[in-house]
Protein backbone atom coordinates (compact mmCIF):
# COMPACT_ATOMS: atom_id res chain seq x y z
CA MET A 1 205.38 111.37 59.48
CA GLU A 2 206.46 107.91 60.49
CA PRO A 3 205.64 106.63 63.98
CA GLU A 4 208.52 107.01 66.41
CA ASP A 5 209.30 103.28 66.47
CA GLN A 6 209.61 103.19 62.64
CA ARG A 7 212.29 105.87 62.37
CA LEU A 8 216.01 105.37 62.06
CA PRO A 9 217.35 107.45 64.97
CA ARG A 10 220.34 109.70 64.39
CA ALA A 11 222.27 107.91 67.12
CA ALA A 12 221.87 104.65 65.18
CA ARG A 13 223.54 106.00 62.01
CA ILE A 14 227.21 106.27 61.14
CA ARG A 15 227.27 109.79 59.74
CA ARG A 16 230.60 111.47 60.42
CA THR A 17 233.37 111.11 57.89
CA ARG A 18 235.89 110.20 60.57
CA ASP A 19 233.61 107.41 61.85
CA ILE A 20 233.13 106.06 58.32
CA ARG A 21 236.88 106.12 57.70
CA ALA A 22 237.54 104.37 61.01
CA VAL A 23 235.15 101.54 60.12
CA LEU A 24 236.67 101.22 56.64
CA ARG A 25 240.24 101.19 58.00
CA GLN A 26 239.88 99.17 61.19
CA GLY A 27 236.83 97.03 60.52
CA THR A 28 236.82 93.55 59.10
CA ARG A 29 235.49 93.34 55.56
CA ARG A 30 233.20 90.68 54.20
CA ARG A 31 232.79 90.59 50.41
CA LEU A 32 229.45 89.42 49.11
CA PRO A 33 228.06 89.39 45.56
CA SER A 34 226.29 92.76 45.91
CA LEU A 35 227.75 94.31 49.05
CA ASP A 36 231.00 94.88 50.90
CA ILE A 37 230.21 94.86 54.62
CA PHE A 38 232.60 96.28 57.19
CA VAL A 39 232.14 95.39 60.87
CA LEU A 40 233.84 97.20 63.74
CA THR A 41 233.39 96.86 67.47
CA PRO A 42 234.23 100.39 68.63
CA PRO A 43 234.92 101.52 72.19
CA PHE A 44 231.78 100.87 74.21
CA ARG A 45 228.97 103.38 73.69
CA VAL A 46 225.83 103.54 75.77
CA SER A 47 222.54 105.29 75.23
CA ALA A 48 220.75 107.49 77.74
CA SER A 49 218.86 104.39 78.86
CA GLY A 50 222.14 102.55 79.48
CA GLY A 51 221.82 100.00 76.66
CA ALA A 52 224.27 99.08 73.91
CA LEU A 53 224.13 101.22 70.79
CA PRO A 54 224.72 99.53 67.44
CA ARG A 55 225.05 101.80 64.40
CA VAL A 56 224.66 101.27 60.67
CA GLY A 57 225.81 103.22 57.65
CA TRP A 58 225.94 102.82 53.91
CA ILE A 59 228.03 104.02 51.00
CA VAL A 60 226.33 104.00 47.62
CA PRO A 61 228.76 105.09 44.87
CA LYS A 62 227.39 106.39 41.58
CA LEU A 63 229.12 103.75 39.43
CA GLY A 64 227.58 105.27 36.30
CA TYR A 65 223.96 104.94 37.48
CA ARG A 66 221.45 107.76 37.60
CA ILE A 67 220.38 109.41 40.85
CA VAL A 68 216.97 107.68 40.80
CA ALA A 69 218.60 104.25 40.91
CA ARG A 70 221.06 105.41 43.55
CA ASN A 71 218.31 106.79 45.78
CA LEU A 72 216.28 103.59 45.43
CA LEU A 73 219.28 101.54 46.53
CA LYS A 74 219.93 103.89 49.48
CA ARG A 75 216.29 103.62 50.57
CA ARG A 76 216.42 99.84 50.39
CA LEU A 77 219.60 99.66 52.47
CA ARG A 78 218.24 102.16 55.00
CA ASP A 79 215.03 100.15 55.37
CA ILE A 80 216.89 96.85 55.85
CA GLY A 81 219.15 98.50 58.42
CA ARG A 82 216.22 99.97 60.33
CA ARG A 83 213.85 97.01 60.22
CA LYS A 84 216.18 94.04 60.47
CA VAL A 85 219.81 94.82 61.28
CA LEU A 86 219.40 97.22 64.20
CA VAL A 87 216.62 95.13 65.71
CA ARG A 88 218.83 92.01 65.62
CA LEU A 89 221.91 93.80 66.99
CA ARG A 90 219.94 95.43 69.81
CA GLY A 91 218.38 92.08 70.67
CA ALA A 92 221.85 90.55 70.90
CA GLY A 93 223.16 93.53 72.91
CA ARG A 94 226.03 94.11 70.47
CA PRO A 95 227.34 97.72 70.21
CA ILE A 96 228.74 97.20 66.71
CA ASP A 97 229.24 99.55 63.76
CA ILE A 98 228.25 98.02 60.42
CA LEU A 99 229.02 99.89 57.23
CA VAL A 100 227.71 98.66 53.89
CA ARG A 101 229.30 99.65 50.59
CA ALA A 102 227.21 98.84 47.54
CA ARG A 103 228.93 97.12 44.65
CA ARG A 104 227.89 97.49 41.01
CA SER A 105 225.70 94.37 41.15
CA ALA A 106 223.71 95.86 44.08
CA TYR A 107 221.90 98.13 41.62
CA ARG A 108 220.44 95.05 39.93
CA ALA A 109 219.83 93.06 43.13
CA SER A 110 216.37 92.60 44.60
CA TYR A 111 215.41 93.84 48.03
CA ARG A 112 215.30 90.24 49.25
CA GLN A 113 218.80 89.49 47.98
CA LEU A 114 220.25 92.59 49.65
CA GLU A 115 218.49 91.67 52.87
CA CYS A 116 219.76 88.07 52.81
CA GLU A 117 223.36 89.15 52.19
CA TRP A 118 223.37 91.76 54.95
CA MET A 119 221.57 89.55 57.47
CA SER A 120 223.96 86.65 56.84
CA VAL A 121 226.81 88.82 58.11
CA VAL A 122 224.74 90.14 61.03
CA GLU A 123 223.77 86.63 62.11
CA GLY A 124 227.43 85.60 61.96
CA VAL A 125 228.40 88.57 64.15
CA CYS A 126 225.63 87.89 66.64
CA SER A 127 226.45 84.18 66.89
CA ASP A 128 230.12 84.97 67.67
CA ALA A 129 229.07 86.46 71.00
């Protein structure tokens, strides 16, 4: 079991199909070499503690790759979202939904490259405050 502070809470994930579709339809898209990142500022959500609640989600299409490669990419994106993205968004107090769709080149990208691409968008969103 992971310690409580290392988990990705359910409330911090975009899981429902209607929420994913809303972010894809209404969010602004940023195309990067390995990722398409959609950002949406939804109606204000608050947690039980009264703070802003950012959420992250990811779409990893098969694109002809085997399930092992797909799962590795999903784990990488989940880890980046948990360790870096949510921490930065919470620190900035931004209740934003960020959805990442992997492109074909994401399967060949390194963890560091995926992290740099995603964080460049997050930093841009946080600096627009």
